[in-house]
Amino acid sequence: MNLVTGKDNKILRQPTEPVEKVTPEIRELIRKMKKTMKESKVPAVGLAAPQIGINKQIFVVELLYDDGEKGPEFAMINPKIIYASKETNTMEEGCLSIPKTYAEVERHKRIVVEFLDEMGRKKKIKASGLLARIFQHEIDHLHGKLTIDSAKNIKEIK
């Protein structure tokens, strides 16, 4: 699957549609998204459906533990943040959709996300730290937002 890039790309800028039903086709799409994320030339911990030209509320992540160790790959369908802490922090983020661009983005330190898993079961997950940041980054993609939209500082690497 090819990555969609460019800060003004219309595909990346439009809000996505919810998934009505988790079908074998949706599960196959998720499998392909995980493969695309793993095979990316630039290390990636998340990939949203719009980044491969699909207008659906789906993203995949590779879970990271606090010590930096990689965990299992994970998909979220129709994710919605139902709680966000008042405390925030600012960190530099990169994005596969805006190559060689890094942005300092303020995000909530802790969130709770409600979503459907790959089998269509309703779930909730509490996330903090880097994982909360990754979820917020990917959910932004599903709403047509990029890191540069809320960045405090942007730097481009030649």
N, C-alpha and C. Protein backbone atom coordinates (compact mmCIF):
# COMPACT_ATOMS: atom_id res chain seq x y z
N MET A 1 0.85 -1.18 0.00
CA MET A 1 0.00 0.00 0.00
C MET A 1 0.89 1.23 0.00
N ASN A 2 0.53 2.20 -0.80
CA ASN A 2 1.33 3.42 -0.91
C ASN A 2 0.87 4.47 0.09
N LEU A 3 1.84 5.17 0.65
CA LEU A 3 1.54 6.24 1.59
C LEU A 3 1.11 7.50 0.86
N VAL A 4 0.13 8.17 1.42
CA VAL A 4 -0.34 9.46 0.92
C VAL A 4 0.43 10.53 1.68
N THR A 5 1.05 11.45 0.97
CA THR A 5 1.85 12.48 1.63
C THR A 5 1.48 13.87 1.13
N GLY A 6 1.90 14.87 1.90
CA GLY A 6 1.71 16.26 1.51
C GLY A 6 0.77 16.99 2.45
N LYS A 7 1.24 18.11 2.98
CA LYS A 7 0.45 18.84 3.98
C LYS A 7 -0.86 19.39 3.43
N ASP A 8 -0.96 19.55 2.12
CA ASP A 8 -2.19 20.06 1.53
C ASP A 8 -3.00 18.99 0.80
N ASN A 9 -2.62 17.74 0.94
CA ASN A 9 -3.31 16.65 0.25
C ASN A 9 -4.76 16.56 0.74
N LYS A 10 -5.70 16.59 -0.19
CA LYS A 10 -7.13 16.58 0.15
C LYS A 10 -7.54 15.32 0.90
N ILE A 11 -6.94 14.19 0.58
CA ILE A 11 -7.28 12.93 1.26
C ILE A 11 -6.94 13.03 2.74
N LEU A 12 -5.80 13.63 3.05
CA LEU A 12 -5.37 13.76 4.45
C LEU A 12 -6.16 14.82 5.21
N ARG A 13 -6.80 15.72 4.48
CA ARG A 13 -7.48 16.85 5.09
C ARG A 13 -8.98 16.65 5.30
N GLN A 14 -9.51 15.53 4.84
CA GLN A 14 -10.96 15.34 5.01
C GLN A 14 -11.25 14.39 6.17
N PRO A 15 -12.28 14.72 6.96
CA PRO A 15 -12.67 13.82 8.05
C PRO A 15 -13.11 12.47 7.48
N THR A 16 -12.82 11.41 8.21
CA THR A 16 -13.11 10.06 7.73
C THR A 16 -14.52 9.61 8.13
N GLU A 17 -14.96 8.56 7.46
CA GLU A 17 -16.28 7.97 7.72
C GLU A 17 -16.14 6.84 8.74
N PRO A 18 -17.14 6.69 9.63
CA PRO A 18 -17.09 5.55 10.55
C PRO A 18 -17.25 4.23 9.82
N VAL A 19 -16.72 3.19 10.40
CA VAL A 19 -16.89 1.84 9.88
C VAL A 19 -18.24 1.34 10.39
N GLU A 20 -19.12 0.95 9.47
CA GLU A 20 -20.46 0.50 9.86
C GLU A 20 -20.44 -0.89 10.49
N LYS A 21 -19.62 -1.78 9.92
CA LYS A 21 -19.56 -3.15 10.40
C LYS A 21 -18.15 -3.68 10.16
N VAL A 22 -17.62 -4.39 11.14
CA VAL A 22 -16.29 -4.98 10.98
C VAL A 22 -16.45 -6.30 10.21
N THR A 23 -15.99 -6.27 8.97
CA THR A 23 -16.14 -7.40 8.05
C THR A 23 -14.78 -8.04 7.79
N PRO A 24 -14.76 -9.19 7.11
CA PRO A 24 -13.46 -9.76 6.72
C PRO A 24 -12.64 -8.78 5.88
N GLU A 25 -13.30 -7.95 5.07
CA GLU A 25 -12.57 -6.96 4.25
C GLU A 25 -11.89 -5.92 5.13
N ILE A 26 -12.57 -5.50 6.19
CA ILE A 26 -11.97 -4.53 7.12
C ILE A 26 -10.78 -5.17 7.83
N ARG A 27 -10.92 -6.42 8.24
CA ARG A 27 -9.80 -7.11 8.90
C ARG A 27 -8.61 -7.27 7.95
N GLU A 28 -8.88 -7.52 6.68
CA GLU A 28 -7.80 -7.62 5.68
C GLU A 28 -7.13 -6.26 5.49
N LEU A 29 -7.92 -5.20 5.47
CA LEU A 29 -7.35 -3.85 5.38
C LEU A 29 -6.44 -3.60 6.58
N ILE A 30 -6.86 -3.97 7.76
CA ILE A 30 -6.05 -3.79 8.97
C ILE A 30 -4.75 -4.58 8.85
N ARG A 31 -4.83 -5.79 8.36
CA ARG A 31 -3.62 -6.61 8.18
C ARG A 31 -2.64 -5.90 7.24
N LYS A 32 -3.16 -5.35 6.14
CA LYS A 32 -2.31 -4.64 5.18
C LYS A 32 -1.73 -3.36 5.78
N MET A 33 -2.52 -2.68 6.60
CA MET A 33 -2.03 -1.46 7.26
C MET A 33 -0.88 -1.78 8.20
N LYS A 34 -1.01 -2.86 8.97
CA LYS A 34 0.08 -3.26 9.88
C LYS A 34 1.34 -3.57 9.09
N LYS A 35 1.17 -4.27 7.98
CA LYS A 35 2.33 -4.62 7.14
C LYS A 35 2.98 -3.36 6.58
N THR A 36 2.17 -2.42 6.11
CA THR A 36 2.69 -1.16 5.57
C THR A 36 3.44 -0.39 6.65
N MET A 37 2.90 -0.34 7.86
CA MET A 37 3.55 0.36 8.96
C MET A 37 4.91 -0.28 9.27
N LYS A 38 4.94 -1.60 9.34
CA LYS A 38 6.19 -2.30 9.66
C LYS A 38 7.24 -2.13 8.57
N GLU A 39 6.80 -2.07 7.31
CA GLU A 39 7.74 -2.01 6.19
C GLU A 39 8.12 -0.59 5.80
N SER A 40 7.63 0.39 6.53
CA SER A 40 7.94 1.78 6.23
C SER A 40 9.45 2.02 6.30
N LYS A 41 9.97 2.80 5.36
CA LYS A 41 11.40 3.13 5.35
C LYS A 41 11.77 3.97 6.56
N VAL A 42 10.82 4.77 7.02
CA VAL A 42 11.00 5.59 8.21
C VAL A 42 10.33 4.83 9.37
N PRO A 43 11.00 4.67 10.50
CA PRO A 43 10.37 3.95 11.61
C PRO A 43 9.03 4.58 11.99
N ALA A 44 8.01 3.74 12.16
CA ALA A 44 6.67 4.23 12.46
C ALA A 44 6.06 3.42 13.58
N VAL A 45 5.27 4.09 14.43
CA VAL A 45 4.56 3.40 15.50
C VAL A 45 3.05 3.46 15.30
N GLY A 46 2.61 4.15 14.25
CA GLY A 46 1.18 4.24 13.97
C GLY A 46 0.93 4.56 12.52
N LEU A 47 -0.27 4.17 12.05
CA LEU A 47 -0.68 4.45 10.68
C LEU A 47 -2.20 4.53 10.65
N ALA A 48 -2.72 5.64 10.14
CA ALA A 48 -4.17 5.83 10.02
C ALA A 48 -4.60 5.56 8.58
N ALA A 49 -5.84 5.10 8.43
CA ALA A 49 -6.35 4.74 7.11
C ALA A 49 -6.21 5.86 6.07
N PRO A 50 -6.44 7.13 6.41
CA PRO A 50 -6.27 8.18 5.39
C PRO A 50 -4.84 8.25 4.82
N GLN A 51 -3.87 7.81 5.61
CA GLN A 51 -2.48 7.85 5.16
C GLN A 51 -2.19 6.86 4.04
N ILE A 52 -3.13 5.96 3.79
CA ILE A 52 -3.02 5.05 2.64
C ILE A 52 -4.20 5.25 1.69
N GLY A 53 -4.87 6.41 1.82
CA GLY A 53 -5.94 6.77 0.89
C GLY A 53 -7.30 6.16 1.18
N ILE A 54 -7.50 5.66 2.39
CA ILE A 54 -8.77 5.03 2.76
C ILE A 54 -9.54 5.95 3.71
N ASN A 55 -10.77 6.31 3.34
CA ASN A 55 -11.57 7.24 4.11
C ASN A 55 -12.40 6.52 5.18
N LYS A 56 -11.72 5.87 6.11
CA LYS A 56 -12.38 5.12 7.18
C LYS A 56 -11.73 5.45 8.52
N GLN A 57 -12.50 5.35 9.59
CA GLN A 57 -12.00 5.62 10.94
C GLN A 57 -11.30 4.38 11.50
N ILE A 58 -10.09 4.17 11.02
CA ILE A 58 -9.28 3.03 11.46
C ILE A 58 -7.84 3.51 11.60
N PHE A 59 -7.18 3.06 12.66
CA PHE A 59 -5.73 3.21 12.70
C PHE A 59 -5.12 2.00 13.38
N VAL A 60 -3.84 1.79 13.09
CA VAL A 60 -3.08 0.72 13.72
C VAL A 60 -1.89 1.34 14.43
N VAL A 61 -1.49 0.70 15.52
CA VAL A 61 -0.30 1.15 16.25
C VAL A 61 0.50 -0.07 16.67
N GLU A 62 1.76 0.18 16.92
CA GLU A 62 2.58 -0.83 17.56
C GLU A 62 2.78 -0.33 18.98
N LEU A 63 2.23 -1.05 19.95
CA LEU A 63 2.29 -0.59 21.33
C LEU A 63 3.73 -0.48 21.79
N LEU A 64 3.99 0.56 22.56
CA LEU A 64 5.31 0.78 23.14
C LEU A 64 5.17 0.80 24.64
N TYR A 65 6.07 0.11 25.31
CA TYR A 65 6.08 0.14 26.77
C TYR A 65 6.92 1.32 27.24
N ASP A 66 6.73 1.69 28.50
CA ASP A 66 7.43 2.86 29.04
C ASP A 66 8.94 2.76 28.92
N ASP A 67 9.48 1.54 28.90
CA ASP A 67 10.93 1.37 28.78
C ASP A 67 11.40 1.39 27.33
N GLY A 68 10.46 1.66 26.39
CA GLY A 68 10.82 1.74 24.97
C GLY A 68 10.69 0.44 24.21
N GLU A 69 10.44 -0.67 24.92
CA GLU A 69 10.27 -1.97 24.26
C GLU A 69 8.99 -1.97 23.44
N LYS A 70 9.05 -2.61 22.27
CA LYS A 70 7.87 -2.71 21.42
C LYS A 70 6.97 -3.83 21.91
N GLY A 71 5.68 -3.59 21.82
CA GLY A 71 4.68 -4.58 22.20
C GLY A 71 3.92 -5.04 20.97
N PRO A 72 2.72 -5.57 21.18
CA PRO A 72 1.94 -6.08 20.06
C PRO A 72 1.36 -4.97 19.19
N GLU A 73 1.05 -5.33 17.96
CA GLU A 73 0.35 -4.41 17.07
C GLU A 73 -1.13 -4.44 17.44
N PHE A 74 -1.79 -3.34 17.14
CA PHE A 74 -3.11 -3.12 17.69
C PHE A 74 -3.89 -2.27 16.71
N ALA A 75 -5.18 -2.54 16.53
CA ALA A 75 -6.02 -1.71 15.65
C ALA A 75 -7.15 -1.08 16.45
N MET A 76 -7.51 0.13 16.07
CA MET A 76 -8.67 0.81 16.66
C MET A 76 -9.59 1.22 15.53
N ILE A 77 -10.86 0.89 15.68
CA ILE A 77 -11.88 1.23 14.70
C ILE A 77 -12.87 2.19 15.37
N ASN A 78 -13.22 3.27 14.67
CA ASN A 78 -14.13 4.30 15.19
C ASN A 78 -13.71 4.79 16.58
N PRO A 79 -12.43 5.14 16.77
CA PRO A 79 -11.98 5.56 18.10
C PRO A 79 -12.54 6.93 18.48
N LYS A 80 -12.82 7.08 19.76
CA LYS A 80 -13.32 8.35 20.28
C LYS A 80 -12.70 8.58 21.65
N ILE A 81 -12.11 9.75 21.84
CA ILE A 81 -11.55 10.11 23.15
C ILE A 81 -12.72 10.50 24.05
N ILE A 82 -12.88 9.76 25.15
CA ILE A 82 -14.00 10.04 26.07
C ILE A 82 -13.52 10.72 27.35
N TYR A 83 -12.22 10.79 27.54
CA TYR A 83 -11.64 11.52 28.66
C TYR A 83 -10.26 12.00 28.24
N ALA A 84 -9.95 13.24 28.61
CA ALA A 84 -8.61 13.79 28.38
C ALA A 84 -8.22 14.62 29.60
N SER A 85 -7.05 14.35 30.14
CA SER A 85 -6.58 15.07 31.32
C SER A 85 -6.36 16.54 30.99
N LYS A 86 -6.44 17.37 32.02
CA LYS A 86 -6.15 18.79 31.84
C LYS A 86 -4.65 18.99 31.66
N GLU A 87 -3.85 18.09 32.26
CA GLU A 87 -2.40 18.21 32.15
C GLU A 87 -1.97 17.85 30.73
N THR A 88 -1.06 18.66 30.22
CA THR A 88 -0.54 18.43 28.87
C THR A 88 0.98 18.43 28.90
N ASN A 89 1.57 17.99 27.81
CA ASN A 89 3.00 18.17 27.61
C ASN A 89 3.26 18.37 26.13
N THR A 90 4.41 18.91 25.83
CA THR A 90 4.77 19.21 24.45
C THR A 90 5.99 18.38 24.09
N MET A 91 5.89 17.70 22.96
CA MET A 91 7.00 16.89 22.46
C MET A 91 7.07 17.03 20.94
N GLU A 92 8.23 16.70 20.41
CA GLU A 92 8.41 16.71 18.97
C GLU A 92 7.82 15.43 18.37
N GLU A 93 7.10 15.59 17.27
CA GLU A 93 6.50 14.46 16.57
C GLU A 93 6.86 14.51 15.10
N GLY A 94 7.03 13.33 14.53
CA GLY A 94 7.17 13.20 13.09
C GLY A 94 5.91 12.55 12.55
N CYS A 95 5.78 12.55 11.23
CA CYS A 95 4.59 11.96 10.62
C CYS A 95 4.96 11.42 9.24
N LEU A 96 4.53 10.20 8.96
CA LEU A 96 4.80 9.61 7.65
C LEU A 96 4.20 10.43 6.51
N SER A 97 3.14 11.18 6.80
CA SER A 97 2.46 11.95 5.75
C SER A 97 3.16 13.27 5.43
N ILE A 98 4.05 13.70 6.31
CA ILE A 98 4.80 14.93 6.07
C ILE A 98 6.28 14.60 6.25
N PRO A 99 6.87 13.95 5.26
CA PRO A 99 8.26 13.50 5.40
C PRO A 99 9.23 14.64 5.74
N LYS A 100 10.20 14.31 6.56
CA LYS A 100 11.29 15.22 6.93
C LYS A 100 10.81 16.49 7.63
N THR A 101 9.63 16.42 8.26
CA THR A 101 9.10 17.55 9.01
C THR A 101 8.80 17.09 10.42
N TYR A 102 9.26 17.87 11.38
CA TYR A 102 9.03 17.56 12.79
C TYR A 102 8.38 18.76 13.45
N ALA A 103 7.38 18.48 14.28
CA ALA A 103 6.61 19.55 14.90
C ALA A 103 6.50 19.32 16.40
N GLU A 104 6.65 20.40 17.18
CA GLU A 104 6.42 20.33 18.62
C GLU A 104 4.92 20.50 18.84
N VAL A 105 4.29 19.46 19.39
CA VAL A 105 2.84 19.45 19.54
C VAL A 105 2.47 19.24 21.01
N GLU A 106 1.54 20.06 21.50
CA GLU A 106 1.03 19.91 22.85
C GLU A 106 -0.12 18.90 22.83
N ARG A 107 -0.07 17.94 23.74
CA ARG A 107 -1.11 16.90 23.82
C ARG A 107 -1.45 16.61 25.28
N HIS A 108 -2.61 16.01 25.49
CA HIS A 108 -3.02 15.58 26.83
C HIS A 108 -2.10 14.47 27.32
N LYS A 109 -1.77 14.50 28.61
CA LYS A 109 -0.88 13.47 29.17
C LYS A 109 -1.59 12.12 29.31
N ARG A 110 -2.89 12.17 29.62
CA ARG A 110 -3.65 10.93 29.82
C ARG A 110 -4.99 11.04 29.09
N ILE A 111 -5.40 9.93 28.48
CA ILE A 111 -6.69 9.88 27.79
C ILE A 111 -7.34 8.51 28.01
N VAL A 112 -8.63 8.46 27.74
CA VAL A 112 -9.36 7.20 27.66
C VAL A 112 -10.03 7.19 26.29
N VAL A 113 -9.83 6.10 25.57
CA VAL A 113 -10.38 5.98 24.21
C VAL A 113 -11.36 4.81 24.17
N GLU A 114 -12.52 5.08 23.57
CA GLU A 114 -13.51 4.03 23.31
C GLU A 114 -13.40 3.69 21.83
N PHE A 115 -13.47 2.40 21.49
CA PHE A 115 -13.26 1.99 20.10
C PHE A 115 -13.81 0.59 19.89
N LEU A 116 -13.79 0.14 18.65
CA LEU A 116 -14.07 -1.25 18.31
C LEU A 116 -12.75 -1.93 18.01
N ASP A 117 -12.61 -3.18 18.44
CA ASP A 117 -11.41 -3.93 18.09
C ASP A 117 -11.60 -4.62 16.74
N GLU A 118 -10.63 -5.40 16.34
CA GLU A 118 -10.66 -6.05 15.02
C GLU A 118 -11.80 -7.05 14.86
N MET A 119 -12.38 -7.48 15.96
CA MET A 119 -13.51 -8.41 15.91
C MET A 119 -14.85 -7.69 16.05
N GLY A 120 -14.79 -6.36 16.15
CA GLY A 120 -16.02 -5.57 16.26
C GLY A 120 -16.53 -5.42 17.69
N ARG A 121 -15.72 -5.80 18.68
CA ARG A 121 -16.12 -5.68 20.08
C ARG A 121 -15.81 -4.29 20.60
N LYS A 122 -16.74 -3.72 21.36
CA LYS A 122 -16.55 -2.39 21.94
C LYS A 122 -15.56 -2.50 23.10
N LYS A 123 -14.56 -1.61 23.11
CA LYS A 123 -13.50 -1.63 24.13
C LYS A 123 -13.23 -0.21 24.61
N LYS A 124 -12.55 -0.13 25.75
CA LYS A 124 -12.01 1.14 26.27
C LYS A 124 -10.58 0.87 26.67
N ILE A 125 -9.74 1.88 26.48
CA ILE A 125 -8.35 1.75 26.90
C ILE A 125 -7.91 3.07 27.52
N LYS A 126 -7.20 2.97 28.65
CA LYS A 126 -6.57 4.13 29.27
C LYS A 126 -5.15 4.20 28.75
N ALA A 127 -4.73 5.39 28.39
CA ALA A 127 -3.37 5.55 27.88
C ALA A 127 -2.74 6.79 28.50
N SER A 128 -1.44 6.71 28.72
CA SER A 128 -0.69 7.86 29.23
C SER A 128 0.65 7.91 28.52
N GLY A 129 1.32 9.03 28.69
CA GLY A 129 2.65 9.18 28.11
C GLY A 129 2.67 9.06 26.60
N LEU A 130 3.68 8.33 26.11
CA LEU A 130 3.87 8.21 24.67
C LEU A 130 2.68 7.54 23.98
N LEU A 131 2.09 6.54 24.61
CA LEU A 131 0.96 5.86 23.99
C LEU A 131 -0.23 6.81 23.82
N ALA A 132 -0.50 7.64 24.82
CA ALA A 132 -1.57 8.63 24.71
C ALA A 132 -1.28 9.60 23.56
N ARG A 133 -0.03 9.98 23.42
CA ARG A 133 0.38 10.87 22.33
C ARG A 133 0.15 10.21 20.98
N ILE A 134 0.54 8.95 20.84
CA ILE A 134 0.36 8.23 19.57
C ILE A 134 -1.13 8.15 19.22
N PHE A 135 -1.96 7.78 20.20
CA PHE A 135 -3.40 7.67 19.94
C PHE A 135 -3.96 9.02 19.48
N GLN A 136 -3.58 10.11 20.16
CA GLN A 136 -4.09 11.44 19.78
C GLN A 136 -3.63 11.82 18.38
N HIS A 137 -2.39 11.51 18.05
CA HIS A 137 -1.84 11.80 16.71
C HIS A 137 -2.66 11.07 15.65
N GLU A 138 -2.91 9.78 15.86
CA GLU A 138 -3.65 9.00 14.86
C GLU A 138 -5.11 9.41 14.78
N ILE A 139 -5.72 9.73 15.91
CA ILE A 139 -7.11 10.20 15.90
C ILE A 139 -7.21 11.52 15.16
N ASP A 140 -6.21 12.40 15.32
CA ASP A 140 -6.19 13.64 14.54
C ASP A 140 -6.26 13.35 13.05
N HIS A 141 -5.51 12.35 12.59
CA HIS A 141 -5.56 11.99 11.16
C HIS A 141 -6.99 11.66 10.73
N LEU A 142 -7.74 11.00 11.59
CA LEU A 142 -9.11 10.61 11.24
C LEU A 142 -10.05 11.80 11.14
N HIS A 143 -9.61 12.95 11.69
CA HIS A 143 -10.40 14.18 11.63
C HIS A 143 -9.82 15.18 10.62
N GLY A 144 -8.88 14.72 9.80
CA GLY A 144 -8.30 15.59 8.78
C GLY A 144 -7.27 16.58 9.30
N LYS A 145 -6.70 16.30 10.46
CA LYS A 145 -5.71 17.20 11.06
C LYS A 145 -4.32 16.58 10.98
N LEU A 146 -3.32 17.45 10.81
CA LEU A 146 -1.92 17.03 10.79
C LEU A 146 -1.17 17.72 11.93
N THR A 147 -0.01 17.20 12.27
CA THR A 147 0.77 17.75 13.38
C THR A 147 1.05 19.24 13.20
N ILE A 148 1.27 19.65 11.98
CA ILE A 148 1.64 21.05 11.73
C ILE A 148 0.50 22.01 12.04
N ASP A 149 -0.73 21.51 12.13
CA ASP A 149 -1.89 22.38 12.37
C ASP A 149 -1.88 22.98 13.78
N SER A 150 -1.35 22.24 14.74
CA SER A 150 -1.35 22.73 16.12
C SER A 150 0.07 22.84 16.68
N ALA A 151 1.04 22.86 15.81
CA ALA A 151 2.44 22.87 16.23
C ALA A 151 2.85 24.21 16.84
N LYS A 152 3.70 24.11 17.85
CA LYS A 152 4.29 25.30 18.45
C LYS A 152 5.57 25.68 17.71
N ASN A 153 6.19 24.70 17.11
CA ASN A 153 7.44 24.92 16.39
C ASN A 153 7.55 23.83 15.33
N ILE A 154 7.95 24.20 14.13
CA ILE A 154 8.08 23.23 13.04
C ILE A 154 9.49 23.33 12.48
N LYS A 155 10.11 22.17 12.26
CA LYS A 155 11.42 22.19 11.60
C LYS A 155 11.42 21.16 10.48
N GLU A 156 12.02 21.57 9.39
CA GLU A 156 12.13 20.69 8.23
C GLU A 156 13.58 20.30 8.06
N ILE A 157 13.80 19.02 7.77
CA ILE A 157 15.15 18.51 7.56
C ILE A 157 15.35 18.34 6.07
N LYS A 158 16.40 18.88 5.56
CA LYS A 158 16.68 18.80 4.12
C LYS A 158 17.23 17.45 3.73
